[in-house]
Amino acid sequence: MTKPLSRIFATLVVAASLLTSNAQAEFFGLPNGRSASPDMLSDLSVELGFVTGDLGVTDYQNFGARVNYRVSPEIVVIGDIGLSEFGPADGTPVGLGILYHLSNQRISQRVDIAAKASYHSGEYEVSGTNLDLTGLSFEALFSGRQPLAANGLGWYGNFGFHRLTVKDVFSDSSNEIGIGGGLTLPTGSGEAYVGVDLIDELTFGLGFRYFVQ
C-alpha cells in the first residue's frame, strides 16, 4: 500500500470509528458536572477536567478547560478548549454553549431543570491527513435542589440529542441520543465533579471548577 493510500485508510478508520462509537456529554467537551440552577454557582467560574473512554475500535481522551459566565439570572454562556485524542488522531477542539435555567418550570419542585445547546469544532491529524470534526448538542440538564449529604454532595443528570459531522476524504454525519449523570462536591474555593455519559459507548470524566466571583 502506498503512503498516500495508507494515510487515507488511517483517516477512514478513525472517521468510521467516530461515527459508529460516539460517547460524550457533548462531543469534544467535558461532563456537565454542574447544577442546572445558576444560583448554585458563582457568576464567573473556570475549570479543568479530563474525559476518557474506550470507543470500541479506538481509545478516546480529552483534557479540557472551560469558562462559565452568567449574563442574566437564567442564562450562562460557556466556552471551552481541549486537547483530545481518538486513537492515532489528535486535535484541539474549541466550543461555545449556552444554558438557560427554566426557573418557572412546574414539572417538579425537587429538581432544577435547564436547557443547554453547544457547538464544538476541531481539526484532527491522522497520518499527515487533516480531518475536520464538528459536534452539535441539545440537552436537558436537571439536578437536585437539596444535597444528598451534609457536606453538600449533589447530583445531576442530562439527556439529549447529539450530531457529529466528519469532513475530509468523505463527509458524513451521525445522530445519537445520549444520557448521563454524576456527582458534585463543594470545596472551599469551588467544586469538584465526576460524571459518566453514554452515547453508544461509556465515557468517564472528572474535573474541578474554581469560583472566580
Protein backbone atom coordinates (compact mmCIF):
# COMPACT_ATOMS: atom_id res chain seq x y z
CA MET A 1 0.00 0.00 0.00
CA THR A 2 1.46 3.40 -0.97
CA LYS A 3 1.96 6.11 1.62
CA PRO A 4 -0.93 8.33 0.37
CA LEU A 5 -3.30 5.36 0.38
CA SER A 6 -2.22 4.32 3.86
CA ARG A 7 -2.94 7.84 5.10
CA ILE A 8 -6.40 7.74 3.55
CA PHE A 9 -7.01 4.30 5.07
CA ALA A 10 -6.00 5.52 8.55
CA THR A 11 -8.26 8.55 8.17
CA LEU A 12 -11.19 6.37 7.12
CA VAL A 13 -10.69 4.02 10.06
CA VAL A 14 -10.70 6.88 12.58
CA ALA A 15 -13.66 8.59 10.91
CA ALA A 16 -15.68 5.37 10.85
CA SER A 17 -14.90 4.71 14.49
CA LEU A 18 -16.11 8.18 15.43
CA LEU A 19 -19.38 7.78 13.57
CA THR A 20 -20.13 4.33 15.00
CA SER A 21 -18.85 4.76 18.57
CA ASN A 22 -19.84 8.21 19.84
CA ALA A 23 -19.67 8.87 23.56
CA GLN A 24 -19.63 12.16 25.44
CA ALA A 25 -21.96 14.55 27.21
CA GLU A 26 -21.20 16.85 24.32
CA PHE A 27 -18.79 15.95 21.53
CA PHE A 28 -15.25 17.19 22.34
CA GLY A 29 -16.37 18.77 25.63
CA LEU A 30 -16.31 17.97 29.35
CA PRO A 31 -19.04 16.40 31.50
CA ASN A 32 -21.71 18.89 32.54
CA GLY A 33 -20.64 18.46 36.15
CA ARG A 34 -22.93 21.18 37.49
CA SER A 35 -26.28 22.15 38.89
CA ALA A 36 -28.97 23.17 36.43
CA SER A 37 -29.51 26.32 38.51
CA PRO A 38 -27.06 29.23 38.02
CA ASP A 39 -27.82 30.28 41.61
CA MET A 40 -25.77 27.34 42.85
CA LEU A 41 -22.58 28.61 41.17
CA SER A 42 -20.71 31.90 41.03
CA ASP A 43 -21.33 34.36 38.20
CA LEU A 44 -17.88 33.58 36.76
CA SER A 45 -16.04 30.28 37.08
CA VAL A 46 -13.19 28.45 35.35
CA GLU A 47 -12.46 24.75 35.37
CA LEU A 48 -10.14 21.99 34.28
CA GLY A 49 -11.28 18.46 33.50
CA PHE A 50 -10.50 15.14 31.89
CA VAL A 51 -12.60 12.64 29.92
CA THR A 52 -11.61 9.13 28.87
CA GLY A 53 -13.30 6.12 27.32
CA ASP A 54 -12.98 3.06 25.11
CA LEU A 55 -14.97 3.66 21.93
CA GLY A 56 -14.86 0.07 20.78
CA VAL A 57 -12.31 0.31 17.97
CA THR A 58 -10.26 3.16 19.42
CA ASP A 59 -9.49 4.90 22.72
CA TYR A 60 -10.55 8.46 23.45
CA GLN A 61 -9.30 11.04 25.92
CA ASN A 62 -9.70 14.79 26.31
CA PHE A 63 -8.04 17.32 28.63
CA GLY A 64 -10.19 20.45 28.70
CA ALA A 65 -10.54 23.94 30.14
CA ARG A 66 -13.92 25.65 30.43
CA VAL A 67 -15.19 29.14 31.35
CA ASN A 68 -18.74 29.78 32.57
CA TYR A 69 -20.18 33.31 32.70
CA ARG A 70 -23.63 34.21 33.94
CA VAL A 71 -25.04 37.02 31.80
CA SER A 72 -28.52 37.11 33.39
CA PRO A 73 -30.34 35.34 36.25
CA GLU A 74 -31.31 32.46 33.91
CA ILE A 75 -28.59 32.44 31.22
CA VAL A 76 -25.00 31.15 31.37
CA VAL A 77 -22.59 31.41 28.42
CA ILE A 78 -19.96 28.66 28.21
CA GLY A 79 -16.68 28.46 26.29
CA ASP A 80 -14.13 25.65 26.29
CA ILE A 81 -10.98 24.34 24.65
CA GLY A 82 -9.39 20.91 24.80
CA LEU A 83 -6.54 18.64 23.82
CA SER A 84 -8.01 15.35 22.65
CA GLU A 85 -7.03 12.07 21.01
CA PHE A 86 -9.06 9.47 19.09
CA GLY A 87 -6.61 6.60 18.70
CA PRO A 88 -3.94 7.91 16.28
CA ALA A 89 -5.78 11.22 15.69
CA ASP A 90 -5.13 14.26 17.88
CA GLY A 91 -6.54 17.77 17.81
CA THR A 92 -7.53 20.90 19.74
CA PRO A 93 -11.33 21.29 19.76
CA VAL A 94 -12.99 24.54 20.80
CA GLY A 95 -16.61 25.07 21.75
CA LEU A 96 -19.33 27.51 22.71
CA GLY A 97 -22.54 26.85 24.56
CA ILE A 98 -25.47 28.44 26.31
CA LEU A 99 -27.50 27.22 29.29
CA TYR A 100 -31.00 28.51 30.07
CA HIS A 101 -32.43 27.81 33.52
CA LEU A 102 -36.15 27.00 33.47
CA SER A 103 -36.81 28.82 36.74
CA ASN A 104 -40.60 28.69 36.40
CA GLN A 105 -40.93 25.00 35.48
CA ARG A 106 -43.78 23.13 37.17
CA ILE A 107 -42.61 19.59 36.48
CA SER A 108 -41.12 19.08 39.93
CA GLN A 109 -40.28 21.24 42.93
CA ARG A 110 -37.49 18.87 43.92
CA VAL A 111 -35.28 19.44 40.87
CA ASP A 112 -33.88 22.31 38.84
CA ILE A 113 -34.12 21.99 35.06
CA ALA A 114 -32.21 23.78 32.31
CA ALA A 115 -31.91 23.61 28.53
CA LYS A 116 -28.43 23.61 27.04
CA ALA A 117 -27.08 23.92 23.49
CA SER A 118 -23.43 23.65 22.46
CA TYR A 119 -21.28 23.54 19.34
CA HIS A 120 -17.72 22.21 19.06
CA SER A 121 -15.26 22.14 16.21
CA GLY A 122 -11.80 20.64 15.86
CA GLU A 123 -9.22 19.72 13.25
CA TYR A 124 -7.54 16.35 13.78
CA GLU A 125 -4.46 14.96 12.09
CA VAL A 126 -4.27 11.29 11.10
CA SER A 127 -1.00 10.16 9.47
CA GLY A 128 -0.46 13.62 8.00
CA THR A 129 -4.06 13.98 6.77
CA ASN A 130 -6.40 16.57 8.33
CA LEU A 131 -9.88 15.58 9.47
CA ASP A 132 -12.46 18.27 10.33
CA LEU A 133 -14.93 17.30 13.06
CA THR A 134 -17.89 19.25 14.38
CA GLY A 135 -20.36 18.39 17.13
CA LEU A 136 -23.78 19.88 17.93
CA SER A 137 -25.63 19.04 21.14
CA PHE A 138 -29.04 19.88 22.60
CA GLU A 139 -29.58 18.69 26.16
CA ALA A 140 -31.91 18.84 29.12
CA LEU A 141 -29.98 19.20 32.36
CA PHE A 142 -31.54 18.51 35.74
CA SER A 143 -30.23 18.46 39.32
CA GLY A 144 -31.48 18.07 42.87
CA ARG A 145 -32.38 21.19 44.81
CA GLN A 146 -31.40 19.56 48.08
CA PRO A 147 -27.96 17.99 48.70
CA LEU A 148 -27.58 14.26 49.20
CA ALA A 149 -25.42 14.70 52.31
CA ALA A 150 -24.46 17.27 54.91
CA ASN A 151 -21.20 18.06 53.10
CA GLY A 152 -23.18 19.45 50.16
CA LEU A 153 -22.80 16.44 47.85
CA GLY A 154 -25.15 16.95 44.93
CA TRP A 155 -26.29 15.10 41.82
CA TYR A 156 -27.11 15.97 38.22
CA GLY A 157 -28.36 14.22 35.11
CA ASN A 158 -28.52 15.01 31.39
CA PHE A 159 -30.44 13.74 28.39
CA GLY A 160 -30.11 14.99 24.84
CA PHE A 161 -29.57 14.83 21.09
CA HIS A 162 -26.08 14.90 19.56
CA ARG A 163 -24.92 15.27 15.97
CA LEU A 164 -21.35 14.55 14.85
CA THR A 165 -20.11 15.53 11.37
CA VAL A 166 -16.85 14.32 9.81
CA LYS A 167 -15.39 16.06 6.75
CA ASP A 168 -12.30 15.33 4.66
CA VAL A 169 -11.86 12.23 2.50
CA PHE A 170 -15.64 11.99 2.66
CA SER A 171 -18.39 13.83 4.54
CA ASP A 172 -20.86 12.08 6.82
CA SER A 173 -22.93 12.70 9.94
CA SER A 174 -24.21 10.64 12.83
CA ASN A 175 -27.19 11.43 15.09
CA GLU A 176 -27.30 9.95 18.57
CA ILE A 177 -29.31 10.13 21.80
CA GLY A 178 -27.23 10.48 24.95
CA ILE A 179 -27.80 10.12 28.68
CA GLY A 180 -25.52 10.77 31.63
CA GLY A 181 -25.13 11.99 35.15
CA GLY A 182 -22.78 12.47 38.03
CA LEU A 183 -21.97 13.98 41.42
CA THR A 184 -20.74 17.40 42.55
CA LEU A 185 -18.97 18.26 45.81
CA PRO A 186 -18.44 21.83 47.09
CA THR A 187 -14.95 22.84 48.27
CA GLY A 188 -13.63 26.00 49.86
CA SER A 189 -12.97 27.74 46.53
CA GLY A 190 -15.28 25.94 44.12
CA GLU A 191 -16.48 22.39 43.49
CA ALA A 192 -15.26 19.06 42.18
CA TYR A 193 -17.30 16.76 39.97
CA VAL A 194 -17.35 13.30 38.43
CA GLY A 195 -19.64 12.07 35.69
CA VAL A 196 -20.41 9.32 33.19
CA ASP A 197 -22.04 9.68 29.78
CA LEU A 198 -23.43 7.13 27.37
CA ILE A 199 -23.86 7.57 23.64
CA ASP A 200 -23.48 4.02 22.36
CA GLU A 201 -20.31 3.68 24.49
CA LEU A 202 -19.46 4.82 28.01
CA THR A 203 -17.04 7.60 28.98
CA PHE A 204 -15.92 8.76 32.42
CA GLY A 205 -14.93 12.30 33.35
CA LEU A 206 -13.87 14.39 36.32
CA GLY A 207 -12.92 18.00 36.95
CA PHE A 208 -12.63 20.95 39.30
CA ARG A 209 -14.46 24.27 38.97
CA TYR A 210 -12.98 27.38 40.57
CA PHE A 211 -15.35 30.19 41.56
CA VAL A 212 -13.78 33.47 40.40
CA GLN A 213 -16.65 35.65 41.64
